[in-house]
Amino acid sequence: LPILREILYNAHPESLQSSAFQLMERHAELYPTSEVLKIINHVIGNSPLFSRRAHETLLVCCARLDGHKDYPSVLILLDGLVSPFWEVRLACLEGLHALWNIGEIDVSTPRLVARVWITMSDERNE
């Protein structure tokens, strides 16, 4: 995971970064999910060139983890809902949806309700 982080955080050839995303998607279950999500959120917010690709990777990783949700990973996604970057907020909301049907969430959870409200009230419509 440190090598993938290095490749995705720093300026490396596009083909190498693309390979790093593919590796994360194909082997999502091999890495600590929360760490993978932190890396992906960082790329979405800080690398406009790879933001879309990172967004897709986040969704693939979340979909592959269905049924294996862990608390730290869900918290990373919830915290992403209040990111200063709208791209991260959108990706995390879609990631939560990919993890499970939003209708199954206990909406009495104050932290979740606050973050979803902030995301839904976002002025950017992208």
Protein backbone atom coordinates (compact mmCIF):
# COMPACT_ATOMS: atom_id res chain seq x y z
CA LEU A 1 0.00 0.00 0.00
CA PRO A 2 2.85 2.50 0.62
CA ILE A 3 4.01 2.01 -2.98
CA LEU A 4 0.51 2.64 -4.33
CA ARG A 5 0.27 5.75 -2.15
CA GLU A 6 3.60 7.01 -3.52
CA ILE A 7 2.53 6.42 -7.11
CA LEU A 8 -0.84 8.13 -6.68
CA TYR A 9 0.27 11.05 -4.49
CA ASN A 10 3.20 12.11 -6.63
CA ALA A 11 3.70 12.93 -10.28
CA HIS A 12 4.34 9.61 -12.01
CA PRO A 13 3.58 8.59 -15.59
CA GLU A 14 -0.12 8.26 -16.33
CA SER A 15 0.26 4.58 -17.26
CA LEU A 16 1.79 3.83 -13.86
CA GLN A 17 -1.01 5.65 -12.03
CA SER A 18 -3.61 3.85 -14.15
CA SER A 19 -2.01 0.52 -13.18
CA ALA A 20 -2.16 1.52 -9.50
CA PHE A 21 -5.90 2.20 -9.79
CA GLN A 22 -6.44 -1.16 -11.54
CA LEU A 23 -4.50 -2.96 -8.83
CA MET A 24 -6.62 -1.34 -6.12
CA GLU A 25 -9.82 -2.31 -7.93
CA ARG A 26 -8.86 -5.91 -8.61
CA HIS A 27 -7.47 -6.59 -5.17
CA ALA A 28 -9.54 -4.33 -2.93
CA GLU A 29 -10.02 -7.10 -0.39
CA LEU A 30 -6.24 -7.42 0.15
CA TYR A 31 -5.74 -3.94 1.54
CA PRO A 32 -7.17 -2.26 4.65
CA THR A 33 -10.28 -0.65 3.18
CA SER A 34 -10.05 2.51 5.24
CA GLU A 35 -6.48 3.14 4.03
CA VAL A 36 -7.48 2.58 0.40
CA LEU A 37 -10.38 5.03 0.78
CA LYS A 38 -8.08 7.65 2.35
CA ILE A 39 -5.71 7.40 -0.61
CA ILE A 40 -8.52 7.59 -3.14
CA ASN A 41 -10.15 10.57 -1.41
CA HIS A 42 -6.80 12.37 -1.40
CA VAL A 43 -6.38 11.78 -5.13
CA ILE A 44 -9.95 12.89 -5.90
CA GLY A 45 -9.46 16.14 -4.00
CA ASN A 46 -5.89 16.94 -5.01
CA SER A 47 -5.31 15.54 -8.50
CA PRO A 48 -7.79 16.99 -10.99
CA LEU A 49 -6.25 14.96 -13.80
CA PHE A 50 -7.03 11.68 -12.02
CA SER A 51 -10.10 12.73 -10.04
CA ARG A 52 -12.59 10.95 -12.28
CA ARG A 53 -10.52 7.75 -12.42
CA ALA A 54 -10.10 7.78 -8.63
CA HIS A 55 -13.86 8.31 -8.23
CA GLU A 56 -14.51 5.21 -10.36
CA THR A 57 -11.99 3.23 -8.31
CA LEU A 58 -13.68 4.25 -5.07
CA LEU A 59 -17.02 3.00 -6.36
CA VAL A 60 -15.54 -0.29 -7.58
CA CYS A 61 -13.81 -0.86 -4.23
CA CYS A 62 -16.99 -0.09 -2.27
CA ALA A 63 -19.09 -2.36 -4.48
CA ARG A 64 -16.61 -5.22 -4.06
CA LEU A 65 -16.73 -4.84 -0.28
CA ASP A 66 -20.50 -5.23 -0.03
CA GLY A 67 -21.26 -7.37 2.98
CA HIS A 68 -17.84 -6.68 4.50
CA LYS A 69 -18.38 -3.16 5.79
CA ASP A 70 -16.04 -2.13 8.54
CA TYR A 71 -16.53 0.80 10.86
CA PRO A 72 -13.31 2.70 9.94
CA SER A 73 -14.16 2.55 6.23
CA VAL A 74 -17.69 3.80 6.75
CA LEU A 75 -16.29 6.65 8.87
CA ILE A 76 -13.85 7.60 6.08
CA LEU A 77 -16.80 7.85 3.68
CA LEU A 78 -18.89 9.80 6.18
CA ASP A 79 -16.02 12.20 6.87
CA GLY A 80 -15.60 12.63 3.12
CA LEU A 81 -19.12 14.05 2.99
CA VAL A 82 -17.82 17.22 4.65
CA SER A 83 -14.66 17.52 2.56
CA PRO A 84 -13.91 20.97 1.14
CA PHE A 85 -13.79 19.33 -2.30
CA TRP A 86 -17.19 18.72 -3.91
CA GLU A 87 -15.70 15.85 -5.93
CA VAL A 88 -14.81 14.02 -2.71
CA ARG A 89 -18.25 14.67 -1.22
CA LEU A 90 -19.97 13.26 -4.29
CA ALA A 91 -17.68 10.20 -4.49
CA CYS A 92 -18.17 9.40 -0.79
CA LEU A 93 -21.94 9.71 -1.02
CA GLU A 94 -21.95 7.37 -4.02
CA GLY A 95 -19.53 5.07 -2.17
CA LEU A 96 -21.94 4.82 0.76
CA HIS A 97 -24.70 3.99 -1.66
CA ALA A 98 -22.50 1.30 -3.26
CA LEU A 99 -21.78 -0.25 0.16
CA TRP A 100 -25.45 -0.76 0.88
CA ASN A 101 -28.87 0.51 0.02
CA ILE A 102 -29.16 3.92 1.67
CA GLY A 103 -32.69 2.97 2.73
CA GLU A 104 -31.21 0.41 5.14
CA ILE A 105 -29.30 3.02 7.15
CA ASP A 106 -30.60 3.98 10.57
CA VAL A 107 -31.25 7.66 9.89
CA SER A 108 -31.48 8.38 13.59
CA THR A 109 -27.67 8.35 13.66
CA PRO A 110 -26.87 12.07 14.15
CA ARG A 111 -23.46 11.94 12.45
CA LEU A 112 -24.89 10.35 9.32
CA VAL A 113 -27.86 12.68 9.18
CA ALA A 114 -25.61 15.74 9.49
CA ARG A 115 -23.27 14.63 6.75
CA VAL A 116 -26.00 13.61 4.34
CA TRP A 117 -27.77 16.94 4.98
CA ILE A 118 -24.58 18.87 4.20
CA THR A 119 -24.04 16.87 1.02
CA MET A 120 -27.64 17.24 -0.12
CA SER A 121 -27.51 20.99 0.57
CA ASP A 122 -24.33 21.41 -1.47
CA GLU A 123 -24.68 24.28 -3.92
CA ARG A 124 -22.71 22.49 -6.64
CA ASN A 125 -24.99 20.37 -8.79
CA GLU A 126 -22.27 18.35 -10.50
